[in-house]
């Protein structure tokens, strides 16, 4: 990331297959202290 103060932002990962809806994968709070995962990747990612 560039352009702004990185620590001001929560960050997420998403994925998409052509012809299908965008899917949430994981996210992390600005401090890194909190995370969330899609059930499909929990325990692996």
ModelCIF file with pLDDT and N, C-alpha, C, O atoms, coordinates in Angstrom:
data_MODEL
#
_entry.id   MODEL 
#
_entity.id                         1 
_entity.type                       polymer 
_entity.pdbx_number_of_molecules   1 
#
_entity_poly.entity_id                      1 
_entity_poly.type                           'polypeptide(L)' 
_entity_poly.nstd_linkage                   no 
_entity_poly.nstd_monomer                   no 
_entity_poly.pdbx_seq_one_letter_code       
;(UNK)(UNK)(UNK)(UNK)(UNK)(UNK)(UNK)(UNK)(UNK)(UNK)(UNK)(UNK)(UNK)(UNK)(UNK)(UNK)
(UNK)(UNK)(UNK)(UNK)(UNK)(UNK)(UNK)(UNK)(UNK)(UNK)(UNK)(UNK)(UNK)(UNK)(UNK)(UNK)
(UNK)(UNK)(UNK)(UNK)(UNK)(UNK)(UNK)(UNK)(UNK)(UNK)(UNK)(UNK)(UNK)
;
_entity_poly.pdbx_seq_one_letter_code_can   XXXXXXXXXXXXXXXXXXXXXXXXXXXXXXXXXXXXXXXXXXXXX 
_entity_poly.pdbx_strand_id                 A 
#
loop_
_entity_poly_seq.entity_id 
_entity_poly_seq.num 
_entity_poly_seq.mon_id 
_entity_poly_seq.hetero 
1 1  UNK n 
1 2  UNK n 
1 3  UNK n 
1 4  UNK n 
1 5  UNK n 
1 6  UNK n 
1 7  UNK n 
1 8  UNK n 
1 9  UNK n 
1 10 UNK n 
1 11 UNK n 
1 12 UNK n 
1 13 UNK n 
1 14 UNK n 
1 15 UNK n 
1 16 UNK n 
1 17 UNK n 
1 18 UNK n 
1 19 UNK n 
1 20 UNK n 
1 21 UNK n 
1 22 UNK n 
1 23 UNK n 
1 24 UNK n 
1 25 UNK n 
1 26 UNK n 
1 27 UNK n 
1 28 UNK n 
1 29 UNK n 
1 30 UNK n 
1 31 UNK n 
1 32 UNK n 
1 33 UNK n 
1 34 UNK n 
1 35 UNK n 
1 36 UNK n 
1 37 UNK n 
1 38 UNK n 
1 39 UNK n 
1 40 UNK n 
1 41 UNK n 
1 42 UNK n 
1 43 UNK n 
1 44 UNK n 
1 45 UNK n 
#
_struct_asym.id          A 
_struct_asym.entity_id   1 
#
loop_
_ma_qa_metric.id 
_ma_qa_metric.mode 
_ma_qa_metric.name 
_ma_qa_metric.software_group_id 
_ma_qa_metric.type 
1 global pLDDT . pLDDT 
2 local  pLDDT . pLDDT 
#
_ma_qa_metric_global.metric_id      1 
_ma_qa_metric_global.metric_value   94.00 
_ma_qa_metric_global.model_id       1 
_ma_qa_metric_global.ordinal_id     1 
#
loop_
_ma_qa_metric_local.label_asym_id 
_ma_qa_metric_local.label_comp_id 
_ma_qa_metric_local.label_seq_id 
_ma_qa_metric_local.metric_id 
_ma_qa_metric_local.metric_value 
_ma_qa_metric_local.model_id 
_ma_qa_metric_local.ordinal_id 
A UNK 1  2 94.00 1 1  
A UNK 2  2 91.00 1 2  
A UNK 3  2 81.00 1 3  
A UNK 4  2 76.00 1 4  
A UNK 5  2 80.00 1 5  
A UNK 6  2 84.00 1 6  
A UNK 7  2 86.00 1 7  
A UNK 8  2 88.00 1 8  
A UNK 9  2 92.00 1 9  
A UNK 10 2 95.00 1 10 
A UNK 11 2 96.00 1 11 
A UNK 12 2 97.00 1 12 
A UNK 13 2 98.00 1 13 
A UNK 14 2 98.00 1 14 
A UNK 15 2 98.00 1 15 
A UNK 16 2 98.00 1 16 
A UNK 17 2 95.00 1 17 
A UNK 18 2 90.00 1 18 
A UNK 19 2 93.00 1 19 
A UNK 20 2 95.00 1 20 
A UNK 21 2 94.00 1 21 
A UNK 22 2 96.00 1 22 
A UNK 23 2 97.00 1 23 
A UNK 24 2 98.00 1 24 
A UNK 25 2 98.00 1 25 
A UNK 26 2 98.00 1 26 
A UNK 27 2 98.00 1 27 
A UNK 28 2 97.00 1 28 
A UNK 29 2 94.00 1 29 
A UNK 30 2 90.00 1 30 
A UNK 31 2 89.00 1 31 
A UNK 32 2 92.00 1 32 
A UNK 33 2 92.00 1 33 
A UNK 34 2 95.00 1 34 
A UNK 35 2 97.00 1 35 
A UNK 36 2 98.00 1 36 
A UNK 37 2 98.00 1 37 
A UNK 38 2 98.00 1 38 
A UNK 39 2 98.00 1 39 
A UNK 40 2 98.00 1 40 
A UNK 41 2 98.00 1 41 
A UNK 42 2 98.00 1 42 
A UNK 43 2 98.00 1 43 
A UNK 44 2 98.00 1 44 
A UNK 45 2 98.00 1 45 
#
loop_
_atom_site.group_PDB 
_atom_site.id 
_atom_site.type_symbol 
_atom_site.label_atom_id 
_atom_site.label_alt_id 
_atom_site.label_comp_id 
_atom_site.label_asym_id 
_atom_site.label_entity_id 
_atom_site.label_seq_id 
_atom_site.pdbx_PDB_ins_code 
_atom_site.Cartn_x 
_atom_site.Cartn_y 
_atom_site.Cartn_z 
_atom_site.occupancy 
_atom_site.B_iso_or_equiv 
_atom_site.pdbx_formal_charge 
_atom_site.auth_seq_id 
_atom_site.auth_comp_id 
_atom_site.auth_asym_id 
_atom_site.auth_atom_id 
_atom_site.pdbx_PDB_model_num 
ATOM 1   N N  . UNK A 1 1  ? 0.824   -1.200  0.000   1.00 94.00 ? 1  UNK A N  1 
ATOM 2   C CA . UNK A 1 1  ? 0.000   0.000   0.000   1.00 94.00 ? 1  UNK A CA 1 
ATOM 3   C C  . UNK A 1 1  ? 0.861   1.255   0.000   1.00 94.00 ? 1  UNK A C  1 
ATOM 4   O O  . UNK A 1 1  ? 1.957   1.278   0.561   1.00 94.00 ? 1  UNK A O  1 
ATOM 5   N N  . UNK A 1 2  ? 0.346   2.289   -0.637  1.00 91.00 ? 2  UNK A N  1 
ATOM 6   C CA . UNK A 1 2  ? 1.006   3.588   -0.632  1.00 91.00 ? 2  UNK A CA 1 
ATOM 7   C C  . UNK A 1 2  ? -0.044  4.682   -0.750  1.00 91.00 ? 2  UNK A C  1 
ATOM 8   O O  . UNK A 1 2  ? -1.193  4.410   -1.095  1.00 91.00 ? 2  UNK A O  1 
ATOM 9   N N  . UNK A 1 3  ? 0.347   5.910   -0.464  1.00 81.00 ? 3  UNK A N  1 
ATOM 10  C CA . UNK A 1 3  ? -0.515  7.064   -0.665  1.00 81.00 ? 3  UNK A CA 1 
ATOM 11  C C  . UNK A 1 3  ? -1.164  7.621   0.593   1.00 81.00 ? 3  UNK A C  1 
ATOM 12  O O  . UNK A 1 3  ? -1.443  8.818   0.658   1.00 81.00 ? 3  UNK A O  1 
ATOM 13  N N  . UNK A 1 4  ? -1.408  6.789   1.582   1.00 76.00 ? 4  UNK A N  1 
ATOM 14  C CA . UNK A 1 4  ? -2.010  7.188   2.846   1.00 76.00 ? 4  UNK A CA 1 
ATOM 15  C C  . UNK A 1 4  ? -1.306  6.480   3.996   1.00 76.00 ? 4  UNK A C  1 
ATOM 16  O O  . UNK A 1 4  ? -0.464  5.608   3.787   1.00 76.00 ? 4  UNK A O  1 
ATOM 17  N N  . UNK A 1 5  ? -1.667  6.873   5.209   1.00 80.00 ? 5  UNK A N  1 
ATOM 18  C CA . UNK A 1 5  ? -1.113  6.207   6.385   1.00 80.00 ? 5  UNK A CA 1 
ATOM 19  C C  . UNK A 1 5  ? -1.746  4.828   6.498   1.00 80.00 ? 5  UNK A C  1 
ATOM 20  O O  . UNK A 1 5  ? -2.943  4.703   6.755   1.00 80.00 ? 5  UNK A O  1 
ATOM 21  N N  . UNK A 1 6  ? -0.932  3.794   6.305   1.00 84.00 ? 6  UNK A N  1 
ATOM 22  C CA . UNK A 1 6  ? -1.420  2.432   6.213   1.00 84.00 ? 6  UNK A CA 1 
ATOM 23  C C  . UNK A 1 6  ? -2.165  2.002   7.467   1.00 84.00 ? 6  UNK A C  1 
ATOM 24  O O  . UNK A 1 6  ? -3.179  1.310   7.375   1.00 84.00 ? 6  UNK A O  1 
ATOM 25  N N  . UNK A 1 7  ? -1.681  2.399   8.630   1.00 86.00 ? 7  UNK A N  1 
ATOM 26  C CA . UNK A 1 7  ? -2.279  1.954   9.877   1.00 86.00 ? 7  UNK A CA 1 
ATOM 27  C C  . UNK A 1 7  ? -3.663  2.548   10.128  1.00 86.00 ? 7  UNK A C  1 
ATOM 28  O O  . UNK A 1 7  ? -4.321  2.153   11.090  1.00 86.00 ? 7  UNK A O  1 
ATOM 29  N N  . UNK A 1 8  ? -4.125  3.476   9.303   1.00 88.00 ? 8  UNK A N  1 
ATOM 30  C CA . UNK A 1 8  ? -5.478  4.018   9.424   1.00 88.00 ? 8  UNK A CA 1 
ATOM 31  C C  . UNK A 1 8  ? -6.536  3.099   8.826   1.00 88.00 ? 8  UNK A C  1 
ATOM 32  O O  . UNK A 1 8  ? -7.728  3.371   8.970   1.00 88.00 ? 8  UNK A O  1 
ATOM 33  N N  . UNK A 1 9  ? -6.133  2.021   8.162   1.00 92.00 ? 9  UNK A N  1 
ATOM 34  C CA . UNK A 1 9  ? -7.056  1.226   7.362   1.00 92.00 ? 9  UNK A CA 1 
ATOM 35  C C  . UNK A 1 9  ? -7.146  -0.215  7.824   1.00 92.00 ? 9  UNK A C  1 
ATOM 36  O O  . UNK A 1 9  ? -6.138  -0.867  8.098   1.00 92.00 ? 9  UNK A O  1 
ATOM 37  N N  . UNK A 1 10 ? -8.393  -0.700  7.905   1.00 95.00 ? 10 UNK A N  1 
ATOM 38  C CA . UNK A 1 10 ? -8.629  -2.133  7.917   1.00 95.00 ? 10 UNK A CA 1 
ATOM 39  C C  . UNK A 1 10 ? -8.354  -2.660  6.509   1.00 95.00 ? 10 UNK A C  1 
ATOM 40  O O  . UNK A 1 10 ? -8.548  -1.949  5.524   1.00 95.00 ? 10 UNK A O  1 
ATOM 41  N N  . UNK A 1 11 ? -7.903  -3.907  6.423   1.00 96.00 ? 11 UNK A N  1 
ATOM 42  C CA . UNK A 1 11 ? -7.558  -4.486  5.134   1.00 96.00 ? 11 UNK A CA 1 
ATOM 43  C C  . UNK A 1 11 ? -8.288  -5.813  4.944   1.00 96.00 ? 11 UNK A C  1 
ATOM 44  O O  . UNK A 1 11 ? -8.482  -6.576  5.890   1.00 96.00 ? 11 UNK A O  1 
ATOM 45  N N  . UNK A 1 12 ? -8.684  -6.064  3.709   1.00 97.00 ? 12 UNK A N  1 
ATOM 46  C CA . UNK A 1 12 ? -9.379  -7.294  3.397   1.00 97.00 ? 12 UNK A CA 1 
ATOM 47  C C  . UNK A 1 12 ? -8.834  -7.964  2.153   1.00 97.00 ? 12 UNK A C  1 
ATOM 48  O O  . UNK A 1 12 ? -8.221  -7.320  1.301   1.00 97.00 ? 12 UNK A O  1 
ATOM 49  N N  . UNK A 1 13 ? -9.066  -9.275  2.058   1.00 98.00 ? 13 UNK A N  1 
ATOM 50  C CA . UNK A 1 13 ? -8.805  -10.055 0.859   1.00 98.00 ? 13 UNK A CA 1 
ATOM 51  C C  . UNK A 1 13 ? -10.123 -10.621 0.349   1.00 98.00 ? 13 UNK A C  1 
ATOM 52  O O  . UNK A 1 13 ? -10.934 -11.140 1.115   1.00 98.00 ? 13 UNK A O  1 
ATOM 53  N N  . UNK A 1 14 ? -10.318 -10.510 -0.959  1.00 98.00 ? 14 UNK A N  1 
ATOM 54  C CA . UNK A 1 14 ? -11.482 -11.048 -1.648  1.00 98.00 ? 14 UNK A CA 1 
ATOM 55  C C  . UNK A 1 14 ? -11.012 -11.847 -2.846  1.00 98.00 ? 14 UNK A C  1 
ATOM 56  O O  . UNK A 1 14 ? -9.869  -11.707 -3.282  1.00 98.00 ? 14 UNK A O  1 
ATOM 57  N N  . UNK A 1 15 ? -11.887 -12.685 -3.379  1.00 98.00 ? 15 UNK A N  1 
ATOM 58  C CA . UNK A 1 15 ? -11.537 -13.428 -4.585  1.00 98.00 ? 15 UNK A CA 1 
ATOM 59  C C  . UNK A 1 15 ? -12.749 -13.536 -5.494  1.00 98.00 ? 15 UNK A C  1 
ATOM 60  O O  . UNK A 1 15 ? -13.893 -13.452 -5.047  1.00 98.00 ? 15 UNK A O  1 
ATOM 61  N N  . UNK A 1 16 ? -12.471 -13.727 -6.793  1.00 98.00 ? 16 UNK A N  1 
ATOM 62  C CA . UNK A 1 16 ? -13.539 -13.790 -7.763  1.00 98.00 ? 16 UNK A CA 1 
ATOM 63  C C  . UNK A 1 16 ? -13.187 -14.773 -8.880  1.00 98.00 ? 16 UNK A C  1 
ATOM 64  O O  . UNK A 1 16 ? -12.066 -14.784 -9.388  1.00 98.00 ? 16 UNK A O  1 
ATOM 65  N N  . UNK A 1 17 ? -14.167 -15.593 -9.247  1.00 95.00 ? 17 UNK A N  1 
ATOM 66  C CA . UNK A 1 17 ? -14.089 -16.480 -10.400 1.00 95.00 ? 17 UNK A CA 1 
ATOM 67  C C  . UNK A 1 17 ? -14.997 -15.895 -11.473 1.00 95.00 ? 17 UNK A C  1 
ATOM 68  O O  . UNK A 1 17 ? -16.099 -15.452 -11.151 1.00 95.00 ? 17 UNK A O  1 
ATOM 69  N N  . UNK A 1 18 ? -14.577 -15.874 -12.742 1.00 90.00 ? 18 UNK A N  1 
ATOM 70  C CA . UNK A 1 18 ? -15.448 -15.341 -13.791 1.00 90.00 ? 18 UNK A CA 1 
ATOM 71  C C  . UNK A 1 18 ? -16.821 -15.985 -13.787 1.00 90.00 ? 18 UNK A C  1 
ATOM 72  O O  . UNK A 1 18 ? -16.947 -17.208 -13.725 1.00 90.00 ? 18 UNK A O  1 
ATOM 73  N N  . UNK A 1 19 ? -17.856 -15.146 -13.856 1.00 93.00 ? 19 UNK A N  1 
ATOM 74  C CA . UNK A 1 19 ? -19.218 -15.627 -13.844 1.00 93.00 ? 19 UNK A CA 1 
ATOM 75  C C  . UNK A 1 19 ? -19.804 -15.849 -12.468 1.00 93.00 ? 19 UNK A C  1 
ATOM 76  O O  . UNK A 1 19 ? -20.976 -16.206 -12.352 1.00 93.00 ? 19 UNK A O  1 
ATOM 77  N N  . UNK A 1 20 ? -19.016 -15.646 -11.413 1.00 95.00 ? 20 UNK A N  1 
ATOM 78  C CA . UNK A 1 20 ? -19.492 -15.812 -10.053 1.00 95.00 ? 20 UNK A CA 1 
ATOM 79  C C  . UNK A 1 20 ? -19.309 -14.515 -9.272  1.00 95.00 ? 20 UNK A C  1 
ATOM 80  O O  . UNK A 1 20 ? -18.539 -13.639 -9.664  1.00 95.00 ? 20 UNK A O  1 
ATOM 81  N N  . UNK A 1 21 ? -20.027 -14.413 -8.172  1.00 94.00 ? 21 UNK A N  1 
ATOM 82  C CA . UNK A 1 21 ? -19.948 -13.225 -7.333  1.00 94.00 ? 21 UNK A CA 1 
ATOM 83  C C  . UNK A 1 21 ? -18.613 -13.163 -6.595  1.00 94.00 ? 21 UNK A C  1 
ATOM 84  O O  . UNK A 1 21 ? -18.007 -14.188 -6.283  1.00 94.00 ? 21 UNK A O  1 
ATOM 85  N N  . UNK A 1 22 ? -18.175 -11.942 -6.328  1.00 96.00 ? 22 UNK A N  1 
ATOM 86  C CA . UNK A 1 22 ? -16.999 -11.744 -5.509  1.00 96.00 ? 22 UNK A CA 1 
ATOM 87  C C  . UNK A 1 22 ? -17.219 -12.329 -4.120  1.00 96.00 ? 22 UNK A C  1 
ATOM 88  O O  . UNK A 1 22 ? -18.298 -12.193 -3.544  1.00 96.00 ? 22 UNK A O  1 
ATOM 89  N N  . UNK A 1 23 ? -16.201 -12.973 -3.593  1.00 97.00 ? 23 UNK A N  1 
ATOM 90  C CA . UNK A 1 23 ? -16.301 -13.694 -2.338  1.00 97.00 ? 23 UNK A CA 1 
ATOM 91  C C  . UNK A 1 23 ? -15.327 -13.126 -1.311  1.00 97.00 ? 23 UNK A C  1 
ATOM 92  O O  . UNK A 1 23 ? -14.151 -12.914 -1.606  1.00 97.00 ? 23 UNK A O  1 
ATOM 93  N N  . UNK A 1 24 ? -15.825 -12.887 -0.120  1.00 98.00 ? 24 UNK A N  1 
ATOM 94  C CA . UNK A 1 24 ? -14.983 -12.485 0.993   1.00 98.00 ? 24 UNK A CA 1 
ATOM 95  C C  . UNK A 1 24 ? -14.067 -13.631 1.391   1.00 98.00 ? 24 UNK A C  1 
ATOM 96  O O  . UNK A 1 24 ? -14.494 -14.785 1.434   1.00 98.00 ? 24 UNK A O  1 
ATOM 97  N N  . UNK A 1 25 ? -12.811 -13.319 1.681   1.00 98.00 ? 25 UNK A N  1 
ATOM 98  C CA . UNK A 1 25 ? -11.840 -14.320 2.106   1.00 98.00 ? 25 UNK A CA 1 
ATOM 99  C C  . UNK A 1 25 ? -11.393 -14.080 3.544   1.00 98.00 ? 25 UNK A C  1 
ATOM 100 O O  . UNK A 1 25 ? -11.513 -14.967 4.390   1.00 98.00 ? 25 UNK A O  1 
ATOM 101 N N  . UNK A 1 26 ? -10.877 -12.884 3.823   1.00 98.00 ? 26 UNK A N  1 
ATOM 102 C CA . UNK A 1 26 ? -10.347 -12.586 5.150   1.00 98.00 ? 26 UNK A CA 1 
ATOM 103 C C  . UNK A 1 26 ? -10.193 -11.083 5.304   1.00 98.00 ? 26 UNK A C  1 
ATOM 104 O O  . UNK A 1 26 ? -10.129 -10.354 4.315   1.00 98.00 ? 26 UNK A O  1 
ATOM 105 N N  . UNK A 1 27 ? -10.135 -10.622 6.545   1.00 98.00 ? 27 UNK A N  1 
ATOM 106 C CA . UNK A 1 27 ? -9.862  -9.214  6.806   1.00 98.00 ? 27 UNK A CA 1 
ATOM 107 C C  . UNK A 1 27 ? -9.123  -9.084  8.122   1.00 98.00 ? 27 UNK A C  1 
ATOM 108 O O  . UNK A 1 27 ? -9.100  -10.008 8.934   1.00 98.00 ? 27 UNK A O  1 
ATOM 109 N N  . UNK A 1 28 ? -8.515  -7.916  8.321   1.00 97.00 ? 28 UNK A N  1 
ATOM 110 C CA . UNK A 1 28 ? -7.702  -7.671  9.501   1.00 97.00 ? 28 UNK A CA 1 
ATOM 111 C C  . UNK A 1 28 ? -7.849  -6.212  9.904   1.00 97.00 ? 28 UNK A C  1 
ATOM 112 O O  . UNK A 1 28 ? -7.908  -5.326  9.051   1.00 97.00 ? 28 UNK A O  1 
ATOM 113 N N  . UNK A 1 29 ? -7.909  -5.966  11.214  1.00 94.00 ? 29 UNK A N  1 
ATOM 114 C CA . UNK A 1 29 ? -8.085  -4.616  11.720  1.00 94.00 ? 29 UNK A CA 1 
ATOM 115 C C  . UNK A 1 29 ? -6.826  -3.787  11.532  1.00 94.00 ? 29 UNK A C  1 
ATOM 116 O O  . UNK A 1 29 ? -5.756  -4.309  11.219  1.00 94.00 ? 29 UNK A O  1 
ATOM 117 N N  . UNK A 1 30 ? -6.976  -2.483  11.730  1.00 90.00 ? 30 UNK A N  1 
ATOM 118 C CA . UNK A 1 30 ? -5.865  -1.554  11.503  1.00 90.00 ? 30 UNK A CA 1 
ATOM 119 C C  . UNK A 1 30 ? -4.634  -1.901  12.324  1.00 90.00 ? 30 UNK A C  1 
ATOM 120 O O  . UNK A 1 30 ? -3.507  -1.701  11.871  1.00 90.00 ? 30 UNK A O  1 
ATOM 121 N N  . UNK A 1 31 ? -4.843  -2.419  13.527  1.00 89.00 ? 31 UNK A N  1 
ATOM 122 C CA . UNK A 1 31 ? -3.737  -2.750  14.413  1.00 89.00 ? 31 UNK A CA 1 
ATOM 123 C C  . UNK A 1 31 ? -3.229  -4.174  14.223  1.00 89.00 ? 31 UNK A C  1 
ATOM 124 O O  . UNK A 1 31 ? -2.165  -4.527  14.732  1.00 89.00 ? 31 UNK A O  1 
ATOM 125 N N  . UNK A 1 32 ? -3.978  -4.985  13.499  1.00 92.00 ? 32 UNK A N  1 
ATOM 126 C CA . UNK A 1 32 ? -3.657  -6.395  13.377  1.00 92.00 ? 32 UNK A CA 1 
ATOM 127 C C  . UNK A 1 32 ? -4.185  -7.251  14.503  1.00 92.00 ? 32 UNK A C  1 
ATOM 128 O O  . UNK A 1 32 ? -3.960  -8.461  14.517  1.00 92.00 ? 32 UNK A O  1 
ATOM 129 N N  . UNK A 1 33 ? -4.891  -6.639  15.460  1.00 92.00 ? 33 UNK A N  1 
ATOM 130 C CA . UNK A 1 33 ? -5.346  -7.370  16.627  1.00 92.00 ? 33 UNK A CA 1 
ATOM 131 C C  . UNK A 1 33 ? -6.593  -8.201  16.428  1.00 92.00 ? 33 UNK A C  1 
ATOM 132 O O  . UNK A 1 33 ? -6.882  -9.080  17.239  1.00 92.00 ? 33 UNK A O  1 
ATOM 133 N N  . UNK A 1 34 ? -7.342  -7.943  15.363  1.00 95.00 ? 34 UNK A N  1 
ATOM 134 C CA . UNK A 1 34 ? -8.578  -8.659  15.095  1.00 95.00 ? 34 UNK A CA 1 
ATOM 135 C C  . UNK A 1 34 ? -8.577  -9.148  13.663  1.00 95.00 ? 34 UNK A C  1 
ATOM 136 O O  . UNK A 1 34 ? -8.216  -8.404  12.752  1.00 95.00 ? 34 UNK A O  1 
ATOM 137 N N  . UNK A 1 35 ? -8.980  -10.400 13.455  1.00 97.00 ? 35 UNK A N  1 
ATOM 138 C CA . UNK A 1 35 ? -9.090  -10.971 12.116  1.00 97.00 ? 35 UNK A CA 1 
ATOM 139 C C  . UNK A 1 35 ? -10.424 -11.679 11.957  1.00 97.00 ? 35 UNK A C  1 
ATOM 140 O O  . UNK A 1 35 ? -11.085 -12.021 12.938  1.00 97.00 ? 35 UNK A O  1 
ATOM 141 N N  . UNK A 1 36 ? -10.808 -11.893 10.708  1.00 98.00 ? 36 UNK A N  1 
ATOM 142 C CA . UNK A 1 36 ? -12.032 -12.608 10.381  1.00 98.00 ? 36 UNK A CA 1 
ATOM 143 C C  . UNK A 1 36 ? -11.777 -13.386 9.101   1.00 98.00 ? 36 UNK A C  1 
ATOM 144 O O  . UNK A 1 36 ? -11.064 -12.916 8.215   1.00 98.00 ? 36 UNK A O  1 
ATOM 145 N N  . UNK A 1 37 ? -12.369 -14.593 9.002   1.00 98.00 ? 37 UNK A N  1 
ATOM 146 C CA . UNK A 1 37 ? -12.153 -15.464 7.857   1.00 98.00 ? 37 UNK A CA 1 
ATOM 147 C C  . UNK A 1 37 ? -13.458 -16.058 7.367   1.00 98.00 ? 37 UNK A C  1 
ATOM 148 O O  . UNK A 1 37 ? -14.365 -16.340 8.151   1.00 98.00 ? 37 UNK A O  1 
ATOM 149 N N  . UNK A 1 38 ? -13.539 -16.243 6.063   1.00 98.00 ? 38 UNK A N  1 
ATOM 150 C CA . UNK A 1 38 ? -14.627 -17.033 5.512   1.00 98.00 ? 38 UNK A CA 1 
ATOM 151 C C  . UNK A 1 38 ? -14.495 -18.478 5.977   1.00 98.00 ? 38 UNK A C  1 
ATOM 152 O O  . UNK A 1 38 ? -13.387 -18.986 6.147   1.00 98.00 ? 38 UNK A O  1 
ATOM 153 N N  . UNK A 1 39 ? -15.640 -19.139 6.181   1.00 98.00 ? 39 UNK A N  1 
ATOM 154 C CA . UNK A 1 39 ? -15.610 -20.524 6.639   1.00 98.00 ? 39 UNK A CA 1 
ATOM 155 C C  . UNK A 1 39 ? -14.830 -21.425 5.684   1.00 98.00 ? 39 UNK A C  1 
ATOM 156 O O  . UNK A 1 39 ? -14.202 -22.390 6.118   1.00 98.00 ? 39 UNK A O  1 
ATOM 157 N N  . UNK A 1 40 ? -14.866 -21.121 4.402   1.00 98.00 ? 40 UNK A N  1 
ATOM 158 C CA . UNK A 1 40 ? -14.227 -21.963 3.406   1.00 98.00 ? 40 UNK A CA 1 
ATOM 159 C C  . UNK A 1 40 ? -12.704 -21.970 3.505   1.00 98.00 ? 40 UNK A C  1 
ATOM 160 O O  . UNK A 1 40 ? -12.058 -22.888 3.000   1.00 98.00 ? 40 UNK A O  1 
ATOM 161 N N  . UNK A 1 41 ? -12.124 -20.959 4.149   1.00 98.00 ? 41 UNK A N  1 
ATOM 162 C CA . UNK A 1 41 ? -10.669 -20.871 4.250   1.00 98.00 ? 41 UNK A CA 1 
ATOM 163 C C  . UNK A 1 41 ? -10.171 -20.938 5.682   1.00 98.00 ? 41 UNK A C  1 
ATOM 164 O O  . UNK A 1 41 ? -8.962  -21.012 5.901   1.00 98.00 ? 41 UNK A O  1 
ATOM 165 N N  . UNK A 1 42 ? -11.054 -20.914 6.651   1.00 98.00 ? 42 UNK A N  1 
ATOM 166 C CA . UNK A 1 42 ? -10.663 -20.905 8.055   1.00 98.00 ? 42 UNK A CA 1 
ATOM 167 C C  . UNK A 1 42 ? -9.839  -22.143 8.378   1.00 98.00 ? 42 UNK A C  1 
ATOM 168 O O  . UNK A 1 42 ? -10.211 -23.261 8.022   1.00 98.00 ? 42 UNK A O  1 
ATOM 169 N N  . UNK A 1 43 ? -8.729  -21.935 9.049   1.00 98.00 ? 43 UNK A N  1 
ATOM 170 C CA . UNK A 1 43 ? -7.829  -23.019 9.386   1.00 98.00 ? 43 UNK A CA 1 
ATOM 171 C C  . UNK A 1 43 ? -6.773  -23.290 8.340   1.00 98.00 ? 43 UNK A C  1 
ATOM 172 O O  . UNK A 1 43 ? -5.800  -23.991 8.619   1.00 98.00 ? 43 UNK A O  1 
ATOM 173 N N  . UNK A 1 44 ? -6.938  -22.754 7.144   1.00 98.00 ? 44 UNK A N  1 
ATOM 174 C CA . UNK A 1 44 ? -5.974  -22.938 6.062   1.00 98.00 ? 44 UNK A CA 1 
ATOM 175 C C  . UNK A 1 44 ? -5.257  -21.648 5.684   1.00 98.00 ? 44 UNK A C  1 
ATOM 176 O O  . UNK A 1 44 ? -4.072  -21.668 5.350   1.00 98.00 ? 44 UNK A O  1 
ATOM 177 N N  . UNK A 1 45 ? -5.969  -20.531 5.737   1.00 98.00 ? 45 UNK A N  1 
ATOM 178 C CA . UNK A 1 45 ? -5.416  -19.233 5.357   1.00 98.00 ? 45 UNK A CA 1 
ATOM 179 C C  . UNK A 1 45 ? -5.164  -18.397 6.600   1.00 98.00 ? 45 UNK A C  1 
ATOM 180 O O  . UNK A 1 45 ? -4.697  -17.263 6.497   1.00 98.00 ? 45 UNK A O  1 
#
